[in-house]
């Protein structure tokens, strides 16, 4: 992850901490016998948060690929790196 910007690392770390907290909250909801609807709502929030973290990571990776492409005589390697990253999203 050396190619991730400092700002993106901080943002991603914050988002992941929030997701961890949400997951602990869902576990607590299960233990408390909360309704399926309440639990589903929280799981959807976790899914959304994970998606937004993915978007952040892909955006930063794309910017890094473009920076490398500007400095290199061939952009094909940077484009391939970006395509590999995006192809793993699977949404």
PDB file of N, CA and C in Angstrom:
ATOM      1  N   UNK A   1       0.813  -1.194   0.000  1.00  0.00           N
ATOM      2  CA  UNK A   1       0.000   0.000   0.000  1.00  0.00           C
ATOM      3  C   UNK A   1       0.854   1.255   0.000  1.00  0.00           C
ATOM      4  N   UNK A   2       2.068   1.147  -0.463  1.00  0.00           N
ATOM      5  CA  UNK A   2       2.929   2.313  -0.492  1.00  0.00           C
ATOM      6  C   UNK A   2       2.456   3.351  -1.497  1.00  0.00           C
ATOM      7  N   UNK A   3       1.641   2.944  -2.461  1.00  0.00           N
ATOM      8  CA  UNK A   3       1.176   3.893  -3.469  1.00  0.00           C
ATOM      9  C   UNK A   3      -0.091   4.622  -3.043  1.00  0.00           C
ATOM     10  N   UNK A   4      -0.606   4.346  -1.867  1.00  0.00           N
ATOM     11  CA  UNK A   4      -1.799   5.016  -1.359  1.00  0.00           C
ATOM     12  C   UNK A   4      -1.389   6.332  -0.705  1.00  0.00           C
ATOM     13  N   UNK A   5      -2.095   7.408  -1.022  1.00  0.00           N
ATOM     14  CA  UNK A   5      -1.755   8.710  -0.452  1.00  0.00           C
ATOM     15  C   UNK A   5      -1.983   8.714   1.054  1.00  0.00           C
ATOM     16  N   UNK A   6      -1.307   9.594   1.740  1.00  0.00           N
ATOM     17  CA  UNK A   6      -1.440   9.705   3.191  1.00  0.00           C
ATOM     18  C   UNK A   6      -2.881  10.023   3.575  1.00  0.00           C
ATOM     19  N   UNK A   7      -3.500  10.942   2.826  1.00  0.00           N
ATOM     20  CA  UNK A   7      -4.888  11.311   3.111  1.00  0.00           C
ATOM     21  C   UNK A   7      -5.822  10.124   2.926  1.00  0.00           C
ATOM     22  N   UNK A   8      -5.611   9.366   1.852  1.00  0.00           N
ATOM     23  CA  UNK A   8      -6.459   8.200   1.581  1.00  0.00           C
ATOM     24  C   UNK A   8      -6.268   7.139   2.661  1.00  0.00           C
ATOM     25  N   UNK A   9      -5.028   6.947   3.130  1.00  0.00           N
ATOM     26  CA  UNK A   9      -4.779   5.982   4.203  1.00  0.00           C
ATOM     27  C   UNK A   9      -5.550   6.364   5.456  1.00  0.00           C
ATOM     28  N   UNK A  10      -5.494   7.649   5.815  1.00  0.00           N
ATOM     29  CA  UNK A  10      -6.213   8.109   7.006  1.00  0.00           C
ATOM     30  C   UNK A  10      -7.713   7.908   6.846  1.00  0.00           C
ATOM     31  N   UNK A  11      -8.238   8.316   5.698  1.00  0.00           N
ATOM     32  CA  UNK A  11      -9.674   8.199   5.435  1.00  0.00           C
ATOM     33  C   UNK A  11     -10.099   6.737   5.451  1.00  0.00           C
ATOM     34  N   UNK A  12      -9.335   5.884   4.785  1.00  0.00           N
ATOM     35  CA  UNK A  12      -9.661   4.465   4.723  1.00  0.00           C
ATOM     36  C   UNK A  12      -9.600   3.841   6.113  1.00  0.00           C
ATOM     37  N   UNK A  13      -8.606   4.190   6.893  1.00  0.00           N
ATOM     38  CA  UNK A  13      -8.484   3.670   8.253  1.00  0.00           C
ATOM     39  C   UNK A  13      -9.687   4.081   9.094  1.00  0.00           C
ATOM     40  N   UNK A  14     -10.100   5.333   8.965  1.00  0.00           N
ATOM     41  CA  UNK A  14     -11.269   5.823   9.698  1.00  0.00           C
ATOM     42  C   UNK A  14     -12.521   5.060   9.274  1.00  0.00           C
ATOM     43  N   UNK A  15     -12.695   4.875   7.984  1.00  0.00           N
ATOM     44  CA  UNK A  15     -13.869   4.153   7.482  1.00  0.00           C
ATOM     45  C   UNK A  15     -13.882   2.704   7.977  1.00  0.00           C
ATOM     46  N   UNK A  16     -12.717   2.064   7.982  1.00  0.00           N
ATOM     47  CA  UNK A  16     -12.644   0.675   8.437  1.00  0.00           C
ATOM     48  C   UNK A  16     -12.925   0.564   9.931  1.00  0.00           C
ATOM     49  N   UNK A  17     -12.467   1.540  10.702  1.00  0.00           N
ATOM     50  CA  UNK A  17     -12.784   1.552  12.134  1.00  0.00           C
ATOM     51  C   UNK A  17     -14.290   1.666  12.350  1.00  0.00           C
ATOM     52  N   UNK A  18     -14.917   2.512  11.554  1.00  0.00           N
ATOM     53  CA  UNK A  18     -16.368   2.667  11.652  1.00  0.00           C
ATOM     54  C   UNK A  18     -17.079   1.360  11.287  1.00  0.00           C
ATOM     55  N   UNK A  19     -16.607   0.693  10.241  1.00  0.00           N
ATOM     56  CA  UNK A  19     -17.201  -0.585   9.828  1.00  0.00           C
ATOM     57  C   UNK A  19     -17.031  -1.624  10.940  1.00  0.00           C
ATOM     58  N   UNK A  20     -15.858  -1.657  11.565  1.00  0.00           N
ATOM     59  CA  UNK A  20     -15.639  -2.586  12.682  1.00  0.00           C
ATOM     60  C   UNK A  20     -16.643  -2.323  13.807  1.00  0.00           C
ATOM     61  N   UNK A  21     -16.858  -1.058  14.116  1.00  0.00           N
ATOM     62  CA  UNK A  21     -17.824  -0.696  15.150  1.00  0.00           C
ATOM     63  C   UNK A  21     -19.234  -1.108  14.777  1.00  0.00           C
ATOM     64  N   UNK A  22     -19.577  -0.915  13.520  1.00  0.00           N
ATOM     65  CA  UNK A  22     -20.905  -1.322  13.058  1.00  0.00           C
ATOM     66  C   UNK A  22     -21.077  -2.834  13.168  1.00  0.00           C
ATOM     67  N   UNK A  23     -20.034  -3.583  12.814  1.00  0.00           N
ATOM     68  CA  UNK A  23     -20.106  -5.048  12.889  1.00  0.00           C
ATOM     69  C   UNK A  23     -20.254  -5.504  14.347  1.00  0.00           C
ATOM     70  N   UNK A  24     -19.536  -4.861  15.259  1.00  0.00           N
ATOM     71  CA  UNK A  24     -19.702  -5.194  16.674  1.00  0.00           C
ATOM     72  C   UNK A  24     -21.124  -4.874  17.133  1.00  0.00           C
ATOM     73  N   UNK A  25     -21.667  -3.771  16.618  1.00  0.00           N
ATOM     74  CA  UNK A  25     -23.036  -3.401  16.954  1.00  0.00           C
ATOM     75  C   UNK A  25     -24.038  -4.429  16.487  1.00  0.00           C
ATOM     76  N   UNK A  26     -23.821  -4.984  15.307  1.00  0.00           N
ATOM     77  CA  UNK A  26     -24.725  -6.020  14.789  1.00  0.00           C
ATOM     78  C   UNK A  26     -24.644  -7.262  15.664  1.00  0.00           C
ATOM     79  N   UNK A  27     -23.441  -7.626  16.063  1.00  0.00           N
ATOM     80  CA  UNK A  27     -23.290  -8.795  16.942  1.00  0.00           C
ATOM     81  C   UNK A  27     -24.060  -8.577  18.250  1.00  0.00           C
ATOM     82  N   UNK A  28     -23.951  -7.359  18.785  1.00  0.00           N
ATOM     83  CA  UNK A  28     -24.676  -7.018  20.016  1.00  0.00           C
ATOM     84  C   UNK A  28     -26.189  -7.083  19.792  1.00  0.00           C
ATOM     85  N   UNK A  29     -26.622  -6.600  18.638  1.00  0.00           N
ATOM     86  CA  UNK A  29     -28.051  -6.656  18.302  1.00  0.00           C
ATOM     87  C   UNK A  29     -28.537  -8.102  18.264  1.00  0.00           C
ATOM     88  N   UNK A  30     -27.729  -8.984  17.702  1.00  0.00           N
ATOM     89  CA  UNK A  30     -28.086 -10.405  17.670  1.00  0.00           C
ATOM     90  C   UNK A  30     -28.218 -10.958  19.081  1.00  0.00           C
ATOM     91  N   UNK A  31     -27.226 -10.650  19.907  1.00  0.00           N
ATOM     92  CA  UNK A  31     -27.241 -11.135  21.292  1.00  0.00           C
ATOM     93  C   UNK A  31     -28.450 -10.612  22.059  1.00  0.00           C
ATOM     94  N   UNK A  32     -28.886  -9.405  21.736  1.00  0.00           N
ATOM     95  CA  UNK A  32     -30.024  -8.795  22.416  1.00  0.00           C
ATOM     96  C   UNK A  32     -31.368  -9.250  21.846  1.00  0.00           C
ATOM     97  N   UNK A  33     -31.329  -9.988  20.752  1.00  0.00           N
ATOM     98  CA  UNK A  33     -32.560 -10.468  20.140  1.00  0.00           C
ATOM     99  C   UNK A  33     -33.329  -9.386  19.393  1.00  0.00           C
ATOM    100  N   UNK A  34     -32.607  -8.429  18.825  1.00  0.00           N
ATOM    101  CA  UNK A  34     -33.266  -7.353  18.082  1.00  0.00           C
ATOM    102  C   UNK A  34     -33.926  -7.907  16.817  1.00  0.00           C
ATOM    103  N   UNK A  35     -34.824  -7.129  16.258  1.00  0.00           N
ATOM    104  CA  UNK A  35     -35.594  -7.595  15.097  1.00  0.00           C
ATOM    105  C   UNK A  35     -34.714  -7.766  13.865  1.00  0.00           C
ATOM    106  N   UNK A  36     -35.143  -8.666  13.019  1.00  0.00           N
ATOM    107  CA  UNK A  36     -34.428  -8.903  11.754  1.00  0.00           C
ATOM    108  C   UNK A  36     -34.357  -7.625  10.930  1.00  0.00           C
ATOM    109  N   UNK A  37     -35.426  -6.848  10.957  1.00  0.00           N
ATOM    110  CA  UNK A  37     -35.447  -5.602  10.187  1.00  0.00           C
ATOM    111  C   UNK A  37     -34.361  -4.633  10.682  1.00  0.00           C
ATOM    112  N   UNK A  38     -34.203  -4.523  12.004  1.00  0.00           N
ATOM    113  CA  UNK A  38     -33.166  -3.647  12.555  1.00  0.00           C
ATOM    114  C   UNK A  38     -31.771  -4.134  12.173  1.00  0.00           C
ATOM    115  N   UNK A  39     -31.580  -5.435  12.263  1.00  0.00           N
ATOM    116  CA  UNK A  39     -30.275  -6.023  11.925  1.00  0.00           C
ATOM    117  C   UNK A  39     -29.990  -5.849  10.439  1.00  0.00           C
ATOM    118  N   UNK A  40     -30.985  -6.099   9.616  1.00  0.00           N
ATOM    119  CA  UNK A  40     -30.823  -5.928   8.171  1.00  0.00           C
ATOM    120  C   UNK A  40     -30.430  -4.493   7.841  1.00  0.00           C
ATOM    121  N   UNK A  41     -31.069  -3.559   8.487  1.00  0.00           N
ATOM    122  CA  UNK A  41     -30.764  -2.138   8.263  1.00  0.00           C
ATOM    123  C   UNK A  41     -29.284  -1.866   8.554  1.00  0.00           C
ATOM    124  N   UNK A  42     -28.788  -2.407   9.647  1.00  0.00           N
ATOM    125  CA  UNK A  42     -27.384  -2.196  10.006  1.00  0.00           C
ATOM    126  C   UNK A  42     -26.437  -2.914   9.045  1.00  0.00           C
ATOM    127  N   UNK A  43     -26.822  -4.109   8.611  1.00  0.00           N
ATOM    128  CA  UNK A  43     -25.986  -4.829   7.638  1.00  0.00           C
ATOM    129  C   UNK A  43     -25.908  -4.070   6.317  1.00  0.00           C
ATOM    130  N   UNK A  44     -27.012  -3.472   5.916  1.00  0.00           N
ATOM    131  CA  UNK A  44     -26.990  -2.661   4.696  1.00  0.00           C
ATOM    132  C   UNK A  44     -26.105  -1.435   4.870  1.00  0.00           C
ATOM    133  N   UNK A  45     -26.085  -0.872   6.070  1.00  0.00           N
ATOM    134  CA  UNK A  45     -25.206   0.265   6.347  1.00  0.00           C
ATOM    135  C   UNK A  45     -23.747  -0.167   6.256  1.00  0.00           C
ATOM    136  N   UNK A  46     -23.431  -1.360   6.753  1.00  0.00           N
ATOM    137  CA  UNK A  46     -22.057  -1.885   6.658  1.00  0.00           C
ATOM    138  C   UNK A  46     -21.685  -2.094   5.196  1.00  0.00           C
ATOM    139  N   UNK A  47     -22.605  -2.658   4.436  1.00  0.00           N
ATOM    140  CA  UNK A  47     -22.352  -2.891   3.012  1.00  0.00           C
ATOM    141  C   UNK A  47     -22.074  -1.569   2.297  1.00  0.00           C
ATOM    142  N   UNK A  48     -22.876  -0.564   2.584  1.00  0.00           N
ATOM    143  CA  UNK A  48     -22.685   0.749   1.974  1.00  0.00           C
ATOM    144  C   UNK A  48     -21.343   1.354   2.374  1.00  0.00           C
ATOM    145  N   UNK A  49     -21.006   1.229   3.648  1.00  0.00           N
ATOM    146  CA  UNK A  49     -19.732   1.767   4.128  1.00  0.00           C
ATOM    147  C   UNK A  49     -18.552   1.060   3.464  1.00  0.00           C
ATOM    148  N   UNK A  50     -18.655  -0.250   3.297  1.00  0.00           N
ATOM    149  CA  UNK A  50     -17.593  -1.006   2.628  1.00  0.00           C
ATOM    150  C   UNK A  50     -17.482  -0.594   1.162  1.00  0.00           C
ATOM    151  N   UNK A  51     -18.618  -0.357   0.535  1.00  0.00           N
ATOM    152  CA  UNK A  51     -18.605   0.087  -0.855  1.00  0.00           C
ATOM    153  C   UNK A  51     -17.926   1.451  -0.973  1.00  0.00           C
ATOM    154  N   UNK A  52     -18.252   2.365  -0.076  1.00  0.00           N
ATOM    155  CA  UNK A  52     -17.641   3.692  -0.118  1.00  0.00           C
ATOM    156  C   UNK A  52     -16.136   3.624   0.143  1.00  0.00           C
ATOM    157  N   UNK A  53     -15.714   2.715   1.014  1.00  0.00           N
ATOM    158  CA  UNK A  53     -14.279   2.516   1.242  1.00  0.00           C
ATOM    159  C   UNK A  53     -13.611   1.989  -0.027  1.00  0.00           C
ATOM    160  N   UNK A  54     -14.303   1.099  -0.726  1.00  0.00           N
ATOM    161  CA  UNK A  54     -13.790   0.565  -1.990  1.00  0.00           C
ATOM    162  C   UNK A  54     -13.655   1.675  -3.025  1.00  0.00           C
ATOM    163  N   UNK A  55     -14.663   2.526  -3.130  1.00  0.00           N
ATOM    164  CA  UNK A  55     -14.629   3.644  -4.077  1.00  0.00           C
ATOM    165  C   UNK A  55     -13.451   4.559  -3.755  1.00  0.00           C
ATOM    166  N   UNK A  56     -13.246   4.845  -2.483  1.00  0.00           N
ATOM    167  CA  UNK A  56     -12.120   5.687  -2.071  1.00  0.00           C
ATOM    168  C   UNK A  56     -10.795   5.070  -2.515  1.00  0.00           C
ATOM    169  N   UNK A  57     -10.636   3.790  -2.264  1.00  0.00           N
ATOM    170  CA  UNK A  57      -9.398   3.111  -2.621  1.00  0.00           C
ATOM    171  C   UNK A  57      -9.184   3.098  -4.130  1.00  0.00           C
ATOM    172  N   UNK A  58     -10.226   2.792  -4.888  1.00  0.00           N
ATOM    173  CA  UNK A  58     -10.107   2.760  -6.350  1.00  0.00           C
ATOM    174  C   UNK A  58      -9.804   4.150  -6.899  1.00  0.00           C
ATOM    175  N   UNK A  59     -10.464   5.167  -6.361  1.00  0.00           N
ATOM    176  CA  UNK A  59     -10.216   6.541  -6.806  1.00  0.00           C
ATOM    177  C   UNK A  59      -8.746   6.926  -6.583  1.00  0.00           C
ATOM    178  N   UNK A  60      -8.231   6.609  -5.392  1.00  0.00           N
ATOM    179  CA  UNK A  60      -6.839   6.949  -5.106  1.00  0.00           C
ATOM    180  C   UNK A  60      -5.885   6.144  -5.982  1.00  0.00           C
ATOM    181  N   UNK A  61      -6.209   4.878  -6.193  1.00  0.00           N
ATOM    182  CA  UNK A  61      -5.366   4.037  -7.054  1.00  0.00           C
ATOM    183  C   UNK A  61      -5.372   4.554  -8.494  1.00  0.00           C
ATOM    184  N   UNK A  62      -6.536   4.969  -8.973  1.00  0.00           N
ATOM    185  CA  UNK A  62      -6.630   5.510 -10.331  1.00  0.00           C
ATOM    186  C   UNK A  62      -5.778   6.769 -10.467  1.00  0.00           C
ATOM    187  N   UNK A  63      -5.846   7.636  -9.464  1.00  0.00           N
ATOM    188  CA  UNK A  63      -5.038   8.862  -9.501  1.00  0.00           C
ATOM    189  C   UNK A  63      -3.549   8.522  -9.525  1.00  0.00           C
ATOM    190  N   UNK A  64      -3.150   7.535  -8.749  1.00  0.00           N
ATOM    191  CA  UNK A  64      -1.740   7.125  -8.733  1.00  0.00           C
ATOM    192  C   UNK A  64      -1.335   6.534 -10.082  1.00  0.00           C
ATOM    193  N   UNK A  65      -2.194   5.729 -10.680  1.00  0.00           N
ATOM    194  CA  UNK A  65      -1.899   5.160 -12.002  1.00  0.00           C
ATOM    195  C   UNK A  65      -1.720   6.272 -13.039  1.00  0.00           C
ATOM    196  N   UNK A  66      -2.570   7.289 -12.975  1.00  0.00           N
ATOM    197  CA  UNK A  66      -2.447   8.408 -13.910  1.00  0.00           C
ATOM    198  C   UNK A  66      -1.158   9.188 -13.684  1.00  0.00           C
ATOM    199  N   UNK A  67      -0.795   9.380 -12.422  1.00  0.00           N
ATOM    200  CA  UNK A  67       0.482  10.072 -12.135  1.00  0.00           C
ATOM    201  C   UNK A  67       1.660   9.295 -12.700  1.00  0.00           C
ATOM    202  N   UNK A  68       1.647   7.974 -12.513  1.00  0.00           N
ATOM    203  CA  UNK A  68       2.730   7.145 -13.047  1.00  0.00           C
ATOM    204  C   UNK A  68       2.736   7.171 -14.559  1.00  0.00           C
ATOM    205  N   UNK A  69       1.553   7.161 -15.179  1.00  0.00           N
ATOM    206  CA  UNK A  69       1.459   7.167 -16.640  1.00  0.00           C
ATOM    207  C   UNK A  69       2.050   8.445 -17.222  1.00  0.00           C
ATOM    208  N   UNK A  70       1.865   9.559 -16.528  1.00  0.00           N
ATOM    209  CA  UNK A  70       2.420  10.832 -17.000  1.00  0.00           C
ATOM    210  C   UNK A  70       3.946  10.829 -16.967  1.00  0.00           C
ATOM    211  N   UNK A  71       4.526  10.067 -16.057  1.00  0.00           N
ATOM    212  CA  UNK A  71       5.981  10.052 -15.886  1.00  0.00           C
ATOM    213  C   UNK A  71       6.660   8.961 -16.711  1.00  0.00           C
ATOM    214  N   UNK A  72       5.899   7.997 -17.199  1.00  0.00           N
ATOM    215  CA  UNK A  72       6.477   6.863 -17.914  1.00  0.00           C
ATOM    216  C   UNK A  72       6.265   7.008 -19.414  1.00  0.00           C
ATOM    217  N   UNK A  73       7.187   6.482 -20.189  1.00  0.00           N
ATOM    218  CA  UNK A  73       7.014   6.539 -21.642  1.00  0.00           C
ATOM    219  C   UNK A  73       5.845   5.678 -22.130  1.00  0.00           C
ATOM    220  N   UNK A  74       5.525   4.608 -21.399  1.00  0.00           N
ATOM    221  CA  UNK A  74       4.417   3.733 -21.779  1.00  0.00           C
ATOM    222  C   UNK A  74       3.382   3.736 -20.669  1.00  0.00           C
ATOM    223  N   UNK A  75       2.139   3.936 -21.026  1.00  0.00           N
ATOM    224  CA  UNK A  75       1.072   3.975 -20.025  1.00  0.00           C
ATOM    225  C   UNK A  75       0.412   2.617 -19.827  1.00  0.00           C
ATOM    226  N   UNK A  76       0.794   1.645 -20.632  1.00  0.00           N
ATOM    227  CA  UNK A  76       0.111   0.357 -20.602  1.00  0.00           C
ATOM    228  C   UNK A  76       0.190  -0.320 -19.233  1.00  0.00           C
ATOM    229  N   UNK A  77       1.334  -0.273 -18.578  1.00  0.00           N
ATOM    230  CA  UNK A  77       1.478  -0.908 -17.260  1.00  0.00           C
ATOM    231  C   UNK A  77       0.556  -0.260 -16.231  1.00  0.00           C
ATOM    232  N   UNK A  78       0.470   1.065 -16.236  1.00  0.00           N
ATOM    233  CA  UNK A  78      -0.404   1.774 -15.307  1.00  0.00           C
ATOM    234  C   UNK A  78      -1.869   1.456 -15.587  1.00  0.00           C
ATOM    235  N   UNK A  79      -2.226   1.403 -16.843  1.00  0.00           N
ATOM    236  CA  UNK A  79      -3.608   1.075 -17.212  1.00  0.00           C
ATOM    237  C   UNK A  79      -3.933  -0.345 -16.781  1.00  0.00           C
ATOM    238  N   UNK A  80      -3.019  -1.279 -17.017  1.00  0.00           N
ATOM    239  CA  UNK A  80      -3.243  -2.667 -16.607  1.00  0.00           C
ATOM    240  C   UNK A  80      -3.425  -2.777 -15.097  1.00  0.00           C
ATOM    241  N   UNK A  81      -2.620  -2.040 -14.348  1.00  0.00           N
ATOM    242  CA  UNK A  81      -2.736  -2.044 -12.888  1.00  0.00           C
ATOM    243  C   UNK A  81      -4.100  -1.548 -12.458  1.00  0.00           C
ATOM    244  N   UNK A  82      -4.565  -0.491 -13.080  1.00  0.00           N
ATOM    245  CA  UNK A  82      -5.874   0.061 -12.748  1.00  0.00           C
ATOM    246  C   UNK A  82      -6.989  -0.922 -13.096  1.00  0.00           C
ATOM    247  N   UNK A  83      -6.918  -1.511 -14.268  1.00  0.00           N
ATOM    248  CA  UNK A  83      -7.945  -2.471 -14.705  1.00  0.00           C
ATOM    249  C   UNK A  83      -7.989  -3.677 -13.779  1.00  0.00           C
ATOM    250  N   UNK A  84      -6.828  -4.163 -13.353  1.00  0.00           N
ATOM    251  CA  UNK A  84      -6.804  -5.300 -12.415  1.00  0.00           C
ATOM    252  C   UNK A  84      -7.518  -4.929 -11.118  1.00  0.00           C
ATOM    253  N   UNK A  85      -7.267  -3.745 -10.625  1.00  0.00           N
ATOM    254  CA  UNK A  85      -7.903  -3.304  -9.373  1.00  0.00           C
ATOM    255  C   UNK A  85      -9.412  -3.188  -9.538  1.00  0.00           C
ATOM    256  N   UNK A  86      -9.847  -2.558 -10.600  1.00  0.00           N
ATOM    257  CA  UNK A  86     -11.280  -2.341 -10.822  1.00  0.00           C
ATOM    258  C   UNK A  86     -11.998  -3.662 -11.078  1.00  0.00           C
ATOM    259  N   UNK A  87     -11.366  -4.580 -11.747  1.00  0.00           N
ATOM    260  CA  UNK A  87     -12.012  -5.852 -12.079  1.00  0.00           C
ATOM    261  C   UNK A  87     -12.297  -6.693 -10.843  1.00  0.00           C
ATOM    262  N   UNK A  88     -11.647  -6.407  -9.728  1.00  0.00           N
ATOM    263  CA  UNK A  88     -11.846  -7.173  -8.490  1.00  0.00           C
ATOM    264  C   UNK A  88     -13.042  -6.670  -7.684  1.00  0.00           C
ATOM    265  N   UNK A  89     -13.618  -5.537  -8.067  1.00  0.00           N
ATOM    266  CA  UNK A  89     -14.704  -4.955  -7.278  1.00  0.00           C
ATOM    267  C   UNK A  89     -15.912  -5.875  -7.255  1.00  0.00           C
ATOM    268  N   UNK A  90     -16.381  -6.319  -8.400  1.00  0.00           N
ATOM    269  CA  UNK A  90     -17.434  -7.310  -8.476  1.00  0.00           C
ATOM    270  C   UNK A  90     -18.830  -6.869  -8.039  1.00  0.00           C
ATOM    271  N   UNK A  91     -19.121  -5.622  -8.050  1.00  0.00           N
ATOM    272  CA  UNK A  91     -20.467  -5.166  -7.663  1.00  0.00           C
ATOM    273  C   UNK A  91     -21.412  -5.257  -8.821  1.00  0.00           C
TER     274      UNK A  91
END
